[in-house]
Amino acid sequence: MTDSLAYTYVKLVLEQEFPVRYHCLTNTRNLHYELTNIIELCAPLLLGLEEDDPFLRYELIGIIAVYLQELEPGN
């Protein structure tokens, strides 16, 4: 998966699966920064995979959920 495709795909999954957090990140102008961090965490997973692989989406949702949970105050 190319870098631009990975960015677009991760952004789409974040927007669809975590809409409240997505809008919060866009409103605070942190979306690009946080997407870049998530993509770095997912880099081995995204390498060479196709976006229509359902297991990729499930793994990505799990990684994003853990990442967003770590952003919460007190964690």
N, C-alpha and C. Protein backbone atom coordinates (compact mmCIF):
# COMPACT_ATOMS: atom_id res chain seq x y z
N MET A 1 0.86 -1.17 0.00
CA MET A 1 0.00 0.00 0.00
C MET A 1 0.90 1.23 0.00
N THR A 2 0.65 2.16 -0.89
CA THR A 2 1.47 3.37 -0.96
C THR A 2 1.19 4.26 0.26
N ASP A 3 2.08 5.19 0.50
CA ASP A 3 1.92 6.08 1.65
C ASP A 3 0.64 6.90 1.57
N SER A 4 0.34 7.43 0.40
CA SER A 4 -0.87 8.26 0.27
C SER A 4 -2.12 7.41 0.40
N LEU A 5 -2.08 6.20 -0.13
CA LEU A 5 -3.22 5.30 0.00
C LEU A 5 -3.40 4.87 1.46
N ALA A 6 -2.30 4.60 2.15
CA ALA A 6 -2.37 4.23 3.57
C ALA A 6 -2.95 5.37 4.39
N TYR A 7 -2.52 6.59 4.13
CA TYR A 7 -3.03 7.75 4.86
C TYR A 7 -4.54 7.89 4.65
N THR A 8 -4.96 7.79 3.39
CA THR A 8 -6.38 7.91 3.07
C THR A 8 -7.19 6.80 3.70
N TYR A 9 -6.66 5.58 3.66
CA TYR A 9 -7.37 4.43 4.22
C TYR A 9 -7.51 4.53 5.73
N VAL A 10 -6.43 4.87 6.42
CA VAL A 10 -6.47 5.01 7.88
C VAL A 10 -7.42 6.15 8.27
N LYS A 11 -7.38 7.23 7.52
CA LYS A 11 -8.29 8.36 7.78
C LYS A 11 -9.75 7.92 7.62
N LEU A 12 -10.04 7.14 6.58
CA LEU A 12 -11.39 6.65 6.34
C LEU A 12 -11.87 5.74 7.47
N VAL A 13 -11.02 4.82 7.90
CA VAL A 13 -11.38 3.91 8.99
C VAL A 13 -11.61 4.69 10.27
N LEU A 14 -10.74 5.64 10.57
CA LEU A 14 -10.90 6.47 11.76
C LEU A 14 -12.22 7.23 11.70
N GLU A 15 -12.54 7.81 10.57
CA GLU A 15 -13.78 8.57 10.42
C GLU A 15 -15.02 7.69 10.55
N GLN A 16 -14.98 6.50 9.98
CA GLN A 16 -16.14 5.61 10.00
C GLN A 16 -16.34 4.91 11.34
N GLU A 17 -15.27 4.49 11.95
CA GLU A 17 -15.37 3.69 13.17
C GLU A 17 -15.30 4.51 14.46
N PHE A 18 -14.72 5.68 14.40
CA PHE A 18 -14.56 6.54 15.58
C PHE A 18 -14.96 7.97 15.22
N PRO A 19 -16.21 8.18 14.81
CA PRO A 19 -16.61 9.50 14.29
C PRO A 19 -16.48 10.64 15.30
N VAL A 20 -16.77 10.39 16.56
CA VAL A 20 -16.68 11.46 17.56
C VAL A 20 -15.22 11.89 17.73
N ARG A 21 -14.33 10.92 17.86
CA ARG A 21 -12.90 11.25 18.01
C ARG A 21 -12.35 11.89 16.74
N TYR A 22 -12.81 11.41 15.58
CA TYR A 22 -12.38 11.99 14.31
C TYR A 22 -12.73 13.48 14.25
N HIS A 23 -13.95 13.81 14.58
CA HIS A 23 -14.37 15.21 14.53
C HIS A 23 -13.65 16.05 15.59
N CYS A 24 -13.39 15.46 16.74
CA CYS A 24 -12.62 16.16 17.77
C CYS A 24 -11.21 16.47 17.25
N LEU A 25 -10.59 15.51 16.59
CA LEU A 25 -9.24 15.73 16.04
C LEU A 25 -9.25 16.76 14.93
N THR A 26 -10.29 16.78 14.11
CA THR A 26 -10.35 17.79 13.05
C THR A 26 -10.60 19.17 13.64
N ASN A 27 -11.43 19.25 14.67
CA ASN A 27 -11.73 20.55 15.29
C ASN A 27 -10.53 21.14 16.01
N THR A 28 -9.68 20.28 16.57
CA THR A 28 -8.49 20.76 17.28
C THR A 28 -7.27 20.83 16.36
N ARG A 29 -7.48 20.50 15.10
CA ARG A 29 -6.42 20.55 14.08
C ARG A 29 -5.27 19.61 14.38
N ASN A 30 -5.56 18.49 15.04
CA ASN A 30 -4.55 17.48 15.34
C ASN A 30 -4.68 16.24 14.46
N LEU A 31 -5.60 16.26 13.53
CA LEU A 31 -5.88 15.06 12.73
C LEU A 31 -4.65 14.58 11.99
N HIS A 32 -3.98 15.44 11.27
CA HIS A 32 -2.80 15.03 10.50
C HIS A 32 -1.72 14.44 11.40
N TYR A 33 -1.45 15.10 12.50
CA TYR A 33 -0.43 14.63 13.45
C TYR A 33 -0.77 13.24 13.98
N GLU A 34 -2.01 13.05 14.43
CA GLU A 34 -2.41 11.76 15.00
C GLU A 34 -2.47 10.67 13.93
N LEU A 35 -2.92 11.01 12.73
CA LEU A 35 -2.93 10.03 11.65
C LEU A 35 -1.51 9.57 11.32
N THR A 36 -0.58 10.50 11.32
CA THR A 36 0.82 10.15 11.07
C THR A 36 1.34 9.19 12.13
N ASN A 37 1.00 9.44 13.38
CA ASN A 37 1.42 8.54 14.46
C ASN A 37 0.79 7.15 14.31
N ILE A 38 -0.49 7.11 13.98
CA ILE A 38 -1.18 5.83 13.80
C ILE A 38 -0.56 5.05 12.64
N ILE A 39 -0.27 5.74 11.56
CA ILE A 39 0.33 5.07 10.40
C ILE A 39 1.70 4.51 10.74
N GLU A 40 2.47 5.22 11.55
CA GLU A 40 3.76 4.70 11.98
C GLU A 40 3.60 3.42 12.78
N LEU A 41 2.58 3.38 13.64
CA LEU A 41 2.31 2.16 14.41
C LEU A 41 1.88 1.01 13.51
N CYS A 42 1.16 1.33 12.45
CA CYS A 42 0.59 0.32 11.56
C CYS A 42 1.48 -0.01 10.37
N ALA A 43 2.62 0.63 10.24
CA ALA A 43 3.45 0.48 9.04
C ALA A 43 3.71 -0.97 8.64
N PRO A 44 4.12 -1.85 9.57
CA PRO A 44 4.34 -3.24 9.16
C PRO A 44 3.06 -3.92 8.67
N LEU A 45 1.95 -3.56 9.25
CA LEU A 45 0.66 -4.13 8.86
C LEU A 45 0.24 -3.66 7.48
N LEU A 46 0.47 -2.40 7.17
CA LEU A 46 0.03 -1.82 5.91
C LEU A 46 0.93 -2.17 4.73
N LEU A 47 2.14 -2.58 5.01
CA LEU A 47 3.11 -2.86 3.97
C LEU A 47 2.66 -4.04 3.12
N GLY A 48 2.40 -3.79 1.86
CA GLY A 48 2.10 -4.86 0.92
C GLY A 48 0.69 -5.41 0.98
N LEU A 49 -0.17 -4.85 1.81
CA LEU A 49 -1.53 -5.36 1.90
C LEU A 49 -2.48 -4.52 1.06
N GLU A 50 -3.58 -5.13 0.69
CA GLU A 50 -4.60 -4.44 -0.09
C GLU A 50 -5.70 -3.94 0.83
N GLU A 51 -6.30 -2.81 0.49
CA GLU A 51 -7.30 -2.20 1.35
C GLU A 51 -8.59 -3.01 1.43
N ASP A 52 -8.84 -3.93 0.50
CA ASP A 52 -10.06 -4.72 0.56
C ASP A 52 -9.92 -5.97 1.43
N ASP A 53 -8.78 -6.13 2.09
CA ASP A 53 -8.57 -7.25 3.02
C ASP A 53 -9.32 -6.95 4.32
N PRO A 54 -10.37 -7.75 4.66
CA PRO A 54 -11.15 -7.44 5.86
C PRO A 54 -10.33 -7.54 7.14
N PHE A 55 -9.36 -8.42 7.17
CA PHE A 55 -8.55 -8.56 8.38
C PHE A 55 -7.69 -7.34 8.62
N LEU A 56 -7.28 -6.68 7.55
CA LEU A 56 -6.53 -5.43 7.68
C LEU A 56 -7.38 -4.39 8.41
N ARG A 57 -8.62 -4.28 8.02
CA ARG A 57 -9.52 -3.31 8.64
C ARG A 57 -9.71 -3.62 10.13
N TYR A 58 -9.92 -4.88 10.47
CA TYR A 58 -10.11 -5.26 11.88
C TYR A 58 -8.86 -4.98 12.70
N GLU A 59 -7.72 -5.30 12.17
CA GLU A 59 -6.46 -5.03 12.88
C GLU A 59 -6.27 -3.53 13.07
N LEU A 60 -6.57 -2.79 12.04
CA LEU A 60 -6.44 -1.34 12.09
C LEU A 60 -7.38 -0.73 13.12
N ILE A 61 -8.60 -1.20 13.18
CA ILE A 61 -9.56 -0.72 14.18
C ILE A 61 -9.02 -0.97 15.59
N GLY A 62 -8.46 -2.15 15.81
CA GLY A 62 -7.88 -2.47 17.12
C GLY A 62 -6.73 -1.56 17.49
N ILE A 63 -5.84 -1.32 16.54
CA ILE A 63 -4.69 -0.44 16.79
C ILE A 63 -5.15 0.98 17.08
N ILE A 64 -6.10 1.47 16.30
CA ILE A 64 -6.61 2.83 16.50
C ILE A 64 -7.29 2.94 17.87
N ALA A 65 -8.06 1.92 18.24
CA ALA A 65 -8.76 1.95 19.54
C ALA A 65 -7.77 2.05 20.69
N VAL A 66 -6.71 1.26 20.63
CA VAL A 66 -5.69 1.30 21.68
C VAL A 66 -4.98 2.65 21.68
N TYR A 67 -4.65 3.15 20.52
CA TYR A 67 -3.98 4.45 20.41
C TYR A 67 -4.84 5.56 20.99
N LEU A 68 -6.10 5.59 20.63
CA LEU A 68 -7.00 6.63 21.12
C LEU A 68 -7.21 6.52 22.64
N GLN A 69 -7.24 5.30 23.13
CA GLN A 69 -7.39 5.09 24.57
C GLN A 69 -6.18 5.64 25.32
N GLU A 70 -5.00 5.49 24.74
CA GLU A 70 -3.78 6.00 25.37
C GLU A 70 -3.73 7.54 25.36
N LEU A 71 -4.49 8.17 24.45
CA LEU A 71 -4.54 9.64 24.42
C LEU A 71 -5.40 10.22 25.54
N GLU A 72 -6.27 9.40 26.10
CA GLU A 72 -7.17 9.88 27.15
C GLU A 72 -6.38 10.32 28.37
N PRO A 73 -6.78 11.41 29.00
CA PRO A 73 -6.09 11.86 30.22
C PRO A 73 -6.13 10.78 31.31
N GLY A 74 -5.03 10.64 31.98
CA GLY A 74 -4.96 9.65 33.07
C GLY A 74 -4.44 8.30 32.65
N ASN A 75 -4.14 8.12 31.36
CA ASN A 75 -3.59 6.84 30.88
C ASN A 75 -2.13 6.94 30.61
